[in-house]
Amino acid sequence: MAIARDIFGYRYEDSEPAFVDAGSTFWFHRPTNRLLTKVSVAAYMASFTPAMTMASKEAGTPSAAFLAEHTGIPIPAAPGGGGGQPPAYQAPTITPVTGLPITGDSGGTQTVDLDVDFHSANIPVGGKTATITYNIGAADVPLNVNLTAGMTPSQAMNAIDAAIDAVAELSTSKAGTTITVTPADTVVLSKLTLTIA
């Protein structure tokens, strides 16, 4: 018997699993008295590189004494946040790009910033689609980026950054919640928007 930390950072006493098997769909998360879907927990672990794994005593079937004590007792929903558990997903805050149009120069001094705040929440089950729309000529060009379930905010930002950087006429740099976009020499960037749905 020892005190351990689970994948979310919660402490638990490992004579009973932190994640109690509650059937084919759910884990009962003992540290928070909360039901979590097995799909969402698996997606969270898979979002790390390398993928996170549970300790040998972290998940499974609890003792008969535990089951006897909890039989028939409603499992309450714990309040969100705290303890290292990822907060519930909410729509990211996207700050509109300002200062357009700009014309790229040889020194790369003409830039605009795209700011996206995911509120420290991972992408939820079902995923999201980020649509980047840019214009460097006569027409708007959309880029769709698949944000898969369990992606961390950093991974989602990396995916959006990579999609923009893949455009030959644009280059990017990322720092935290900000992607700085630089058009190539003489290229006129007149539009840059992002939606996530």
C-alpha atoms as a PDB file:
ATOM      1  CA  MET A   1       0.000   0.000   0.000  1.00  0.00           C
ATOM      2  CA  ALA A   2       1.405   3.358  -1.048  1.00  0.00           C
ATOM      3  CA  ILE A   3       0.388   6.861  -2.047  1.00  0.00           C
ATOM      4  CA  ALA A   4       0.690   7.363  -5.805  1.00  0.00           C
ATOM      5  CA  ARG A   5      -0.308   9.927  -8.420  1.00  0.00           C
ATOM      6  CA  ASP A   6      -2.666   9.068 -11.254  1.00  0.00           C
ATOM      7  CA  ILE A   7      -2.429  10.245 -14.872  1.00  0.00           C
ATOM      8  CA  PHE A   8      -4.222  13.502 -13.973  1.00  0.00           C
ATOM      9  CA  GLY A   9      -1.881  14.238 -11.078  1.00  0.00           C
ATOM     10  CA  TYR A  10      -4.293  13.288  -8.283  1.00  0.00           C
ATOM     11  CA  ARG A  11      -2.949  11.448  -5.259  1.00  0.00           C
ATOM     12  CA  TYR A  12      -4.544   8.104  -4.399  1.00  0.00           C
ATOM     13  CA  GLU A  13      -3.865   5.251  -2.016  1.00  0.00           C
ATOM     14  CA  ASP A  14      -3.088   2.306  -4.277  1.00  0.00           C
ATOM     15  CA  SER A  15      -4.728  -0.477  -2.280  1.00  0.00           C
ATOM     16  CA  GLU A  16      -7.716   0.421  -4.487  1.00  0.00           C
ATOM     17  CA  PRO A  17      -7.453   1.570  -8.116  1.00  0.00           C
ATOM     18  CA  ALA A  18      -7.779   5.269  -8.907  1.00  0.00           C
ATOM     19  CA  PHE A  19      -9.870   4.275 -11.926  1.00  0.00           C
ATOM     20  CA  VAL A  20     -12.528   1.758 -10.929  1.00  0.00           C
ATOM     21  CA  ASP A  21     -13.934  -0.275 -13.812  1.00  0.00           C
ATOM     22  CA  ALA A  22     -17.598   0.762 -14.024  1.00  0.00           C
ATOM     23  CA  GLY A  23     -18.542  -1.244 -17.104  1.00  0.00           C
ATOM     24  CA  SER A  24     -17.777  -1.080 -20.815  1.00  0.00           C
ATOM     25  CA  THR A  25     -18.222   2.687 -21.085  1.00  0.00           C
ATOM     26  CA  PHE A  26     -17.041   4.335 -17.861  1.00  0.00           C
ATOM     27  CA  TRP A  27     -14.318   4.567 -15.297  1.00  0.00           C
ATOM     28  CA  PHE A  28     -15.269   5.740 -11.810  1.00  0.00           C
ATOM     29  CA  HIS A  29     -12.453   8.129 -10.900  1.00  0.00           C
ATOM     30  CA  ARG A  30     -12.049   7.544  -7.177  1.00  0.00           C
ATOM     31  CA  PRO A  31     -10.037  10.718  -6.307  1.00  0.00           C
ATOM     32  CA  THR A  32     -12.830  12.971  -7.639  1.00  0.00           C
ATOM     33  CA  ASN A  33     -15.889  10.675  -7.244  1.00  0.00           C
ATOM     34  CA  ARG A  34     -16.572  11.267 -10.918  1.00  0.00           C
ATOM     35  CA  LEU A  35     -17.593   9.105 -13.875  1.00  0.00           C
ATOM     36  CA  LEU A  36     -15.308   9.488 -16.886  1.00  0.00           C
ATOM     37  CA  THR A  37     -15.765   7.813 -20.256  1.00  0.00           C
ATOM     38  CA  LYS A  38     -13.098   5.290 -21.129  1.00  0.00           C
ATOM     39  CA  VAL A  39     -12.854   6.859 -24.583  1.00  0.00           C
ATOM     40  CA  SER A  40     -11.977  10.296 -23.179  1.00  0.00           C
ATOM     41  CA  VAL A  41      -9.410   8.871 -20.751  1.00  0.00           C
ATOM     42  CA  ALA A  42      -7.779   6.859 -23.550  1.00  0.00           C
ATOM     43  CA  ALA A  43      -7.711   9.928 -25.810  1.00  0.00           C
ATOM     44  CA  TYR A  44      -6.085  11.983 -23.046  1.00  0.00           C
ATOM     45  CA  MET A  45      -3.324   9.404 -22.565  1.00  0.00           C
ATOM     46  CA  ALA A  46      -2.787   9.101 -26.326  1.00  0.00           C
ATOM     47  CA  SER A  47      -2.343  12.874 -26.647  1.00  0.00           C
ATOM     48  CA  PHE A  48       1.126  12.642 -25.092  1.00  0.00           C
ATOM     49  CA  THR A  49       4.328  11.742 -26.924  1.00  0.00           C
ATOM     50  CA  PRO A  50       5.111   9.031 -26.074  1.00  0.00           C
ATOM     51  CA  ALA A  51       1.597   7.983 -25.106  1.00  0.00           C
ATOM     52  CA  MET A  52       0.922   7.915 -21.378  1.00  0.00           C
ATOM     53  CA  THR A  53       0.183   4.585 -19.687  1.00  0.00           C
ATOM     54  CA  MET A  54      -1.403   3.774 -16.355  1.00  0.00           C
ATOM     55  CA  ALA A  55       0.524   2.212 -13.493  1.00  0.00           C
ATOM     56  CA  SER A  56      -0.195  -1.433 -12.694  1.00  0.00           C
ATOM     57  CA  LYS A  57      -2.486  -0.593  -9.764  1.00  0.00           C
ATOM     58  CA  GLU A  58      -4.001   2.572 -11.265  1.00  0.00           C
ATOM     59  CA  ALA A  59      -7.031   1.009 -12.970  1.00  0.00           C
ATOM     60  CA  GLY A  60      -9.066  -2.129 -12.542  1.00  0.00           C
ATOM     61  CA  THR A  61     -11.569  -3.927 -10.368  1.00  0.00           C
ATOM     62  CA  PRO A  62     -11.696  -2.830  -6.726  1.00  0.00           C
ATOM     63  CA  SER A  63     -11.833  -5.079  -3.687  1.00  0.00           C
ATOM     64  CA  ALA A  64     -15.018  -6.749  -2.468  1.00  0.00           C
ATOM     65  CA  ALA A  65     -14.979  -4.436   0.550  1.00  0.00           C
ATOM     66  CA  PHE A  66     -14.958  -1.373  -1.708  1.00  0.00           C
ATOM     67  CA  LEU A  67     -17.817  -2.739  -3.812  1.00  0.00           C
ATOM     68  CA  ALA A  68     -19.846  -3.572  -0.717  1.00  0.00           C
ATOM     69  CA  GLU A  69     -19.354  -0.082   0.652  1.00  0.00           C
ATOM     70  CA  HIS A  70     -20.342   1.610  -2.615  1.00  0.00           C
ATOM     71  CA  THR A  71     -23.207  -0.608  -3.768  1.00  0.00           C
ATOM     72  CA  GLY A  72     -26.338   1.480  -4.261  1.00  0.00           C
ATOM     73  CA  ILE A  73     -24.639   4.764  -3.444  1.00  0.00           C
ATOM     74  CA  PRO A  74     -25.184   7.391  -6.158  1.00  0.00           C
ATOM     75  CA  ILE A  75     -21.952   8.647  -7.628  1.00  0.00           C
ATOM     76  CA  PRO A  76     -21.919  12.454  -7.413  1.00  0.00           C
ATOM     77  CA  ALA A  77     -20.485  14.663 -10.113  1.00  0.00           C
ATOM     78  CA  ALA A  78     -17.405  16.476  -8.891  1.00  0.00           C
ATOM     79  CA  PRO A  79     -16.975  20.181  -9.610  1.00  0.00           C
ATOM     80  CA  GLY A  80     -14.682  20.837 -12.571  1.00  0.00           C
ATOM     81  CA  GLY A  81     -11.046  21.787 -12.464  1.00  0.00           C
ATOM     82  CA  GLY A  82      -8.322  21.384  -9.872  1.00  0.00           C
ATOM     83  CA  GLY A  83      -5.851  18.670  -9.046  1.00  0.00           C
ATOM     84  CA  GLY A  84      -4.241  18.558 -12.459  1.00  0.00           C
ATOM     85  CA  GLN A  85      -7.299  17.191 -14.284  1.00  0.00           C
ATOM     86  CA  PRO A  86      -7.861  18.877 -17.665  1.00  0.00           C
ATOM     87  CA  PRO A  87     -10.663  21.445 -17.394  1.00  0.00           C
ATOM     88  CA  ALA A  88     -13.865  21.004 -19.370  1.00  0.00           C
ATOM     89  CA  TYR A  89     -13.647  22.129 -22.981  1.00  0.00           C
ATOM     90  CA  GLN A  90     -15.026  25.500 -23.892  1.00  0.00           C
ATOM     91  CA  ALA A  91     -14.889  27.365 -27.172  1.00  0.00           C
ATOM     92  CA  PRO A  92     -11.414  28.854 -27.729  1.00  0.00           C
ATOM     93  CA  THR A  93     -11.025  32.614 -27.659  1.00  0.00           C
ATOM     94  CA  ILE A  94      -9.730  33.783 -31.038  1.00  0.00           C
ATOM     95  CA  THR A  95      -8.487  37.361 -31.264  1.00  0.00           C
ATOM     96  CA  PRO A  96      -9.151  38.798 -34.738  1.00  0.00           C
ATOM     97  CA  VAL A  97      -6.030  39.580 -36.752  1.00  0.00           C
ATOM     98  CA  THR A  98      -5.440  43.306 -37.117  1.00  0.00           C
ATOM     99  CA  GLY A  99      -3.147  45.399 -39.283  1.00  0.00           C
ATOM    100  CA  LEU A 100      -4.024  43.847 -42.646  1.00  0.00           C
ATOM    101  CA  PRO A 101      -3.219  44.149 -45.472  1.00  0.00           C
ATOM    102  CA  ILE A 102       0.547  43.855 -45.248  1.00  0.00           C
ATOM    103  CA  THR A 103       3.144  43.382 -47.961  1.00  0.00           C
ATOM    104  CA  GLY A 104       6.051  41.075 -47.309  1.00  0.00           C
ATOM    105  CA  ASP A 105       9.575  42.449 -47.557  1.00  0.00           C
ATOM    106  CA  SER A 106      12.987  40.847 -47.918  1.00  0.00           C
ATOM    107  CA  GLY A 107      13.763  41.396 -44.245  1.00  0.00           C
ATOM    108  CA  GLY A 108      10.605  39.697 -43.006  1.00  0.00           C
ATOM    109  CA  THR A 109       9.639  42.719 -40.938  1.00  0.00           C
ATOM    110  CA  GLN A 110       5.967  42.712 -41.976  1.00  0.00           C
ATOM    111  CA  THR A 111       4.074  40.341 -39.674  1.00  0.00           C
ATOM    112  CA  VAL A 112       0.667  39.801 -38.096  1.00  0.00           C
ATOM    113  CA  ASP A 113      -0.295  37.802 -35.009  1.00  0.00           C
ATOM    114  CA  LEU A 114      -3.004  35.173 -34.718  1.00  0.00           C
ATOM    115  CA  ASP A 115      -3.934  34.626 -31.059  1.00  0.00           C
ATOM    116  CA  VAL A 116      -5.859  31.535 -29.912  1.00  0.00           C
ATOM    117  CA  ASP A 117      -6.587  30.702 -26.273  1.00  0.00           C
ATOM    118  CA  PHE A 118      -7.800  27.131 -25.663  1.00  0.00           C
ATOM    119  CA  HIS A 119      -8.286  27.863 -21.929  1.00  0.00           C
ATOM    120  CA  SER A 120      -5.925  24.981 -21.067  1.00  0.00           C
ATOM    121  CA  ALA A 121      -8.555  22.455 -22.212  1.00  0.00           C
ATOM    122  CA  ASN A 122      -7.916  19.465 -24.454  1.00  0.00           C
ATOM    123  CA  ILE A 123      -9.940  18.893 -27.627  1.00  0.00           C
ATOM    124  CA  PRO A 124     -13.131  17.010 -26.623  1.00  0.00           C
ATOM    125  CA  VAL A 125     -14.440  13.652 -27.789  1.00  0.00           C
ATOM    126  CA  GLY A 126     -15.559  13.957 -31.408  1.00  0.00           C
ATOM    127  CA  GLY A 127     -12.771  16.402 -32.259  1.00  0.00           C
ATOM    128  CA  LYS A 128     -12.980  19.840 -33.806  1.00  0.00           C
ATOM    129  CA  THR A 129     -12.161  21.400 -37.182  1.00  0.00           C
ATOM    130  CA  ALA A 130     -10.048  24.536 -37.402  1.00  0.00           C
ATOM    131  CA  THR A 131     -10.679  26.516 -40.606  1.00  0.00           C
ATOM    132  CA  ILE A 132      -7.989  29.007 -41.575  1.00  0.00           C
ATOM    133  CA  THR A 133      -8.930  31.417 -44.362  1.00  0.00           C
ATOM    134  CA  TYR A 134      -6.244  33.516 -46.013  1.00  0.00           C
ATOM    135  CA  ASN A 135      -5.974  35.726 -49.074  1.00  0.00           C
ATOM    136  CA  ILE A 136      -2.724  36.484 -50.862  1.00  0.00           C
ATOM    137  CA  GLY A 137      -4.258  37.193 -54.250  1.00  0.00           C
ATOM    138  CA  ALA A 138      -7.675  37.469 -55.817  1.00  0.00           C
ATOM    139  CA  ALA A 139      -9.576  34.895 -53.761  1.00  0.00           C
ATOM    140  CA  ASP A 140      -9.944  33.571 -50.228  1.00  0.00           C
ATOM    141  CA  VAL A 141      -8.336  30.187 -49.638  1.00  0.00           C
ATOM    142  CA  PRO A 142      -9.639  27.924 -46.833  1.00  0.00           C
ATOM    143  CA  LEU A 143      -7.451  25.429 -44.980  1.00  0.00           C
ATOM    144  CA  ASN A 144      -9.160  22.804 -42.818  1.00  0.00           C
ATOM    145  CA  VAL A 145      -7.201  21.292 -39.926  1.00  0.00           C
ATOM    146  CA  ASN A 146      -8.513  18.242 -38.078  1.00  0.00           C
ATOM    147  CA  LEU A 147      -8.091  18.673 -34.312  1.00  0.00           C
ATOM    148  CA  THR A 148      -8.511  15.171 -32.908  1.00  0.00           C
ATOM    149  CA  ALA A 149     -10.005  14.292 -29.542  1.00  0.00           C
ATOM    150  CA  GLY A 150      -7.524  14.493 -26.698  1.00  0.00           C
ATOM    151  CA  MET A 151      -5.165  16.955 -28.386  1.00  0.00           C
ATOM    152  CA  THR A 152      -3.629  19.341 -25.869  1.00  0.00           C
ATOM    153  CA  PRO A 153      -3.770  23.097 -26.537  1.00  0.00           C
ATOM    154  CA  SER A 154      -0.102  22.994 -27.526  1.00  0.00           C
ATOM    155  CA  GLN A 155      -0.692  20.164 -30.000  1.00  0.00           C
ATOM    156  CA  ALA A 156      -3.703  21.955 -31.481  1.00  0.00           C
ATOM    157  CA  MET A 157      -1.663  25.146 -31.884  1.00  0.00           C
ATOM    158  CA  ASN A 158       1.140  23.153 -33.520  1.00  0.00           C
ATOM    159  CA  ALA A 159      -1.326  21.688 -36.037  1.00  0.00           C
ATOM    160  CA  ILE A 160      -2.730  25.128 -36.917  1.00  0.00           C
ATOM    161  CA  ASP A 161       0.766  26.594 -37.132  1.00  0.00           C
ATOM    162  CA  ALA A 162       1.948  23.776 -39.422  1.00  0.00           C
ATOM    163  CA  ALA A 163      -0.999  24.257 -41.796  1.00  0.00           C
ATOM    164  CA  ILE A 164      -0.270  27.956 -42.235  1.00  0.00           C
ATOM    165  CA  ASP A 165       3.480  27.384 -42.518  1.00  0.00           C
ATOM    166  CA  ALA A 166       2.848  24.822 -45.284  1.00  0.00           C
ATOM    167  CA  VAL A 167       1.617  27.655 -47.546  1.00  0.00           C
ATOM    168  CA  ALA A 168       4.646  28.475 -49.718  1.00  0.00           C
ATOM    169  CA  GLU A 169       4.073  32.237 -49.539  1.00  0.00           C
ATOM    170  CA  LEU A 170       3.721  32.330 -45.748  1.00  0.00           C
ATOM    171  CA  SER A 171       6.027  31.475 -42.861  1.00  0.00           C
ATOM    172  CA  THR A 172       5.211  31.249 -39.173  1.00  0.00           C
ATOM    173  CA  SER A 173       6.645  31.189 -35.684  1.00  0.00           C
ATOM    174  CA  LYS A 174       4.725  30.118 -32.588  1.00  0.00           C
ATOM    175  CA  ALA A 175       5.048  31.222 -28.983  1.00  0.00           C
ATOM    176  CA  GLY A 176       2.404  30.121 -26.489  1.00  0.00           C
ATOM    177  CA  THR A 177      -1.027  31.161 -27.735  1.00  0.00           C
ATOM    178  CA  THR A 178       0.324  33.332 -30.570  1.00  0.00           C
ATOM    179  CA  ILE A 179       1.220  32.391 -34.146  1.00  0.00           C
ATOM    180  CA  THR A 180       3.155  35.105 -35.958  1.00  0.00           C
ATOM    181  CA  VAL A 181       2.637  35.018 -39.732  1.00  0.00           C
ATOM    182  CA  THR A 182       5.078  36.555 -42.219  1.00  0.00           C
ATOM    183  CA  PRO A 183       4.329  36.821 -45.952  1.00  0.00           C
ATOM    184  CA  ALA A 184       7.130  36.276 -48.437  1.00  0.00           C
ATOM    185  CA  ASP A 185       8.807  39.206 -50.174  1.00  0.00           C
ATOM    186  CA  THR A 186       6.270  41.253 -52.238  1.00  0.00           C
ATOM    187  CA  VAL A 187       3.373  38.977 -51.239  1.00  0.00           C
ATOM    188  CA  VAL A 188       0.295  40.903 -50.097  1.00  0.00           C
ATOM    189  CA  LEU A 189      -1.575  39.224 -47.231  1.00  0.00           C
ATOM    190  CA  SER A 190      -5.011  40.840 -47.117  1.00  0.00           C
ATOM    191  CA  LYS A 191      -6.944  38.334 -45.009  1.00  0.00           C
ATOM    192  CA  LEU A 192      -6.233  35.843 -42.238  1.00  0.00           C
ATOM    193  CA  THR A 193      -9.045  34.403 -40.120  1.00  0.00           C
ATOM    194  CA  LEU A 194      -9.578  31.318 -37.967  1.00  0.00           C
ATOM    195  CA  THR A 195     -12.706  29.530 -36.818  1.00  0.00           C
ATOM    196  CA  ILE A 196     -12.911  26.356 -34.714  1.00  0.00           C
ATOM    197  CA  ALA A 197     -16.087  24.302 -34.730  1.00  0.00           C
END
